[in-house]
């Protein structure tokens, strides 16, 4: 359970730092060992209270 939390937090950090169009959620989750998209999304939503897509949309734009 602890390792899953670490992986989910790592994915969230990456989503929040992403530039628009830079990454896709599915391949990112797969790279972190989540091979079932539904299972990943449910775990993510349970932990953070929002879907990965919402997190990705909240990523701050590059101001430079």
N, C-alpha and C. Protein backbone atom coordinates (compact mmCIF):
# COMPACT_ATOMS: atom_id res chain seq x y z
N UNK A 1 0.82 -1.19 0.00
CA UNK A 1 0.00 0.00 0.00
C UNK A 1 0.87 1.26 0.00
N UNK A 2 1.96 1.23 0.74
CA UNK A 2 2.85 2.40 0.82
C UNK A 2 3.48 2.69 -0.54
N UNK A 3 3.92 1.66 -1.22
CA UNK A 3 4.55 1.86 -2.54
C UNK A 3 3.53 2.42 -3.53
N UNK A 4 2.29 1.95 -3.45
CA UNK A 4 1.25 2.48 -4.34
C UNK A 4 1.04 3.97 -4.08
N UNK A 5 1.05 4.37 -2.81
CA UNK A 5 0.91 5.80 -2.47
C UNK A 5 2.06 6.61 -3.05
N UNK A 6 3.26 6.10 -2.95
CA UNK A 6 4.42 6.79 -3.52
C UNK A 6 4.27 6.96 -5.03
N UNK A 7 3.83 5.89 -5.70
CA UNK A 7 3.66 5.95 -7.15
C UNK A 7 2.58 6.96 -7.53
N UNK A 8 1.46 6.96 -6.80
CA UNK A 8 0.38 7.90 -7.10
C UNK A 8 0.82 9.34 -6.88
N UNK A 9 1.55 9.60 -5.81
CA UNK A 9 2.04 10.95 -5.56
C UNK A 9 3.04 11.38 -6.64
N UNK A 10 3.85 10.46 -7.10
CA UNK A 10 4.81 10.78 -8.17
C UNK A 10 4.08 11.14 -9.46
N UNK A 11 3.04 10.40 -9.78
CA UNK A 11 2.25 10.70 -10.97
C UNK A 11 1.59 12.07 -10.82
N UNK A 12 1.04 12.35 -9.66
CA UNK A 12 0.39 13.66 -9.44
C UNK A 12 1.38 14.81 -9.63
N UNK A 13 2.58 14.67 -9.07
CA UNK A 13 3.59 15.73 -9.24
C UNK A 13 3.89 15.95 -10.71
N UNK A 14 4.01 14.86 -11.46
CA UNK A 14 4.31 14.97 -12.89
C UNK A 14 3.17 15.64 -13.65
N UNK A 15 1.93 15.28 -13.30
CA UNK A 15 0.78 15.89 -13.96
C UNK A 15 0.71 17.38 -13.67
N UNK A 16 1.03 17.77 -12.47
CA UNK A 16 0.96 19.19 -12.10
C UNK A 16 2.06 20.01 -12.76
N UNK A 17 3.17 19.38 -13.13
CA UNK A 17 4.27 20.09 -13.77
C UNK A 17 4.19 20.07 -15.29
N UNK A 18 3.24 19.34 -15.83
CA UNK A 18 3.18 19.13 -17.28
C UNK A 18 2.77 20.38 -18.04
N UNK A 19 3.38 20.56 -19.18
CA UNK A 19 2.97 21.60 -20.13
C UNK A 19 1.75 21.06 -20.89
N UNK A 20 0.90 21.95 -21.40
CA UNK A 20 -0.25 21.50 -22.18
C UNK A 20 0.18 20.61 -23.35
N UNK A 21 -0.43 19.44 -23.45
CA UNK A 21 -0.13 18.52 -24.54
C UNK A 21 1.17 17.75 -24.40
N UNK A 22 1.88 17.95 -23.32
CA UNK A 22 3.20 17.33 -23.15
C UNK A 22 3.12 15.83 -22.85
N UNK A 23 2.17 15.44 -22.02
CA UNK A 23 2.09 14.04 -21.62
C UNK A 23 0.66 13.53 -21.74
N UNK A 24 0.55 12.21 -21.77
CA UNK A 24 -0.73 11.53 -21.75
C UNK A 24 -0.80 10.73 -20.46
N UNK A 25 -1.97 10.67 -19.87
CA UNK A 25 -2.13 10.02 -18.57
C UNK A 25 -1.89 8.52 -18.66
N UNK A 26 -2.44 7.86 -19.67
CA UNK A 26 -2.31 6.41 -19.78
C UNK A 26 -0.87 5.93 -19.80
N UNK A 27 -0.05 6.43 -20.70
CA UNK A 27 1.35 6.00 -20.72
C UNK A 27 2.11 6.35 -19.44
N UNK A 28 1.76 7.48 -18.82
CA UNK A 28 2.41 7.85 -17.56
C UNK A 28 2.06 6.84 -16.47
N UNK A 29 0.78 6.51 -16.36
CA UNK A 29 0.36 5.52 -15.35
C UNK A 29 1.01 4.17 -15.62
N UNK A 30 1.06 3.78 -16.88
CA UNK A 30 1.69 2.51 -17.26
C UNK A 30 3.16 2.50 -16.86
N UNK A 31 3.85 3.61 -17.08
CA UNK A 31 5.27 3.70 -16.73
C UNK A 31 5.49 3.54 -15.23
N UNK A 32 4.50 3.93 -14.44
CA UNK A 32 4.60 3.80 -12.99
C UNK A 32 3.99 2.50 -12.47
N UNK A 33 3.67 1.58 -13.38
CA UNK A 33 3.24 0.25 -12.97
C UNK A 33 1.75 0.04 -12.83
N UNK A 34 0.95 0.99 -13.27
CA UNK A 34 -0.50 0.82 -13.24
C UNK A 34 -0.93 0.33 -14.62
N UNK A 35 -1.19 -0.95 -14.73
CA UNK A 35 -1.48 -1.57 -16.02
C UNK A 35 -2.98 -1.64 -16.32
N UNK A 36 -3.80 -1.27 -15.36
CA UNK A 36 -5.25 -1.23 -15.55
C UNK A 36 -5.72 0.20 -15.34
N UNK A 37 -6.17 0.84 -16.41
CA UNK A 37 -6.53 2.26 -16.35
C UNK A 37 -7.65 2.54 -15.35
N UNK A 38 -8.64 1.67 -15.31
CA UNK A 38 -9.76 1.86 -14.38
C UNK A 38 -9.32 1.76 -12.93
N UNK A 39 -8.48 0.79 -12.66
CA UNK A 39 -7.96 0.61 -11.30
C UNK A 39 -7.11 1.82 -10.90
N UNK A 40 -6.27 2.28 -11.82
CA UNK A 40 -5.45 3.46 -11.55
C UNK A 40 -6.33 4.67 -11.26
N UNK A 41 -7.30 4.95 -12.13
CA UNK A 41 -8.16 6.12 -11.96
C UNK A 41 -8.93 6.08 -10.65
N UNK A 42 -9.42 4.90 -10.28
CA UNK A 42 -10.16 4.77 -9.02
C UNK A 42 -9.26 5.04 -7.82
N UNK A 43 -8.05 4.51 -7.84
CA UNK A 43 -7.11 4.75 -6.75
C UNK A 43 -6.73 6.22 -6.68
N UNK A 44 -6.50 6.83 -7.81
CA UNK A 44 -6.12 8.24 -7.87
C UNK A 44 -7.24 9.11 -7.32
N UNK A 45 -8.46 8.85 -7.78
CA UNK A 45 -9.62 9.63 -7.34
C UNK A 45 -9.85 9.47 -5.84
N UNK A 46 -9.70 8.27 -5.35
CA UNK A 46 -9.89 8.01 -3.92
C UNK A 46 -8.88 8.79 -3.08
N UNK A 47 -7.64 8.86 -3.55
CA UNK A 47 -6.58 9.52 -2.79
C UNK A 47 -6.65 11.04 -2.89
N UNK A 48 -6.89 11.56 -4.09
CA UNK A 48 -6.78 13.00 -4.32
C UNK A 48 -8.12 13.72 -4.48
N UNK A 49 -9.21 12.98 -4.59
CA UNK A 49 -10.52 13.61 -4.70
C UNK A 49 -10.82 14.21 -6.05
N UNK A 50 -10.05 13.87 -7.05
CA UNK A 50 -10.27 14.32 -8.42
C UNK A 50 -9.64 13.32 -9.37
N UNK A 51 -10.05 13.37 -10.62
CA UNK A 51 -9.48 12.45 -11.60
C UNK A 51 -8.11 12.96 -12.06
N UNK A 52 -7.30 12.08 -12.61
CA UNK A 52 -6.01 12.52 -13.15
C UNK A 52 -6.18 13.59 -14.23
N UNK A 53 -7.22 13.50 -15.01
CA UNK A 53 -7.45 14.49 -16.07
C UNK A 53 -7.69 15.88 -15.49
N UNK A 54 -8.43 15.96 -14.39
CA UNK A 54 -8.65 17.26 -13.74
C UNK A 54 -7.33 17.81 -13.23
N UNK A 55 -6.51 16.97 -12.64
CA UNK A 55 -5.20 17.41 -12.17
C UNK A 55 -4.37 17.94 -13.33
N UNK A 56 -4.37 17.23 -14.43
CA UNK A 56 -3.59 17.65 -15.59
C UNK A 56 -4.07 19.00 -16.11
N UNK A 57 -5.36 19.23 -16.11
CA UNK A 57 -5.90 20.51 -16.58
C UNK A 57 -5.54 21.66 -15.64
N UNK A 58 -5.29 21.34 -14.37
CA UNK A 58 -4.94 22.37 -13.40
C UNK A 58 -3.46 22.72 -13.44
N UNK A 59 -2.70 22.01 -14.23
CA UNK A 59 -1.26 22.27 -14.30
C UNK A 59 -1.03 23.73 -14.69
N UNK A 60 -0.14 24.41 -14.00
CA UNK A 60 0.09 25.82 -14.30
C UNK A 60 0.75 26.01 -15.66
N UNK A 61 0.35 27.04 -16.39
CA UNK A 61 0.98 27.30 -17.70
C UNK A 61 2.40 27.83 -17.51
N UNK A 62 3.21 27.64 -18.51
CA UNK A 62 4.57 28.16 -18.49
C UNK A 62 4.50 29.67 -18.71
N UNK A 63 4.99 30.43 -17.76
CA UNK A 63 4.89 31.89 -17.84
C UNK A 63 6.10 32.54 -18.51
N UNK A 64 7.08 31.77 -18.91
CA UNK A 64 8.29 32.33 -19.54
C UNK A 64 8.10 32.50 -21.02
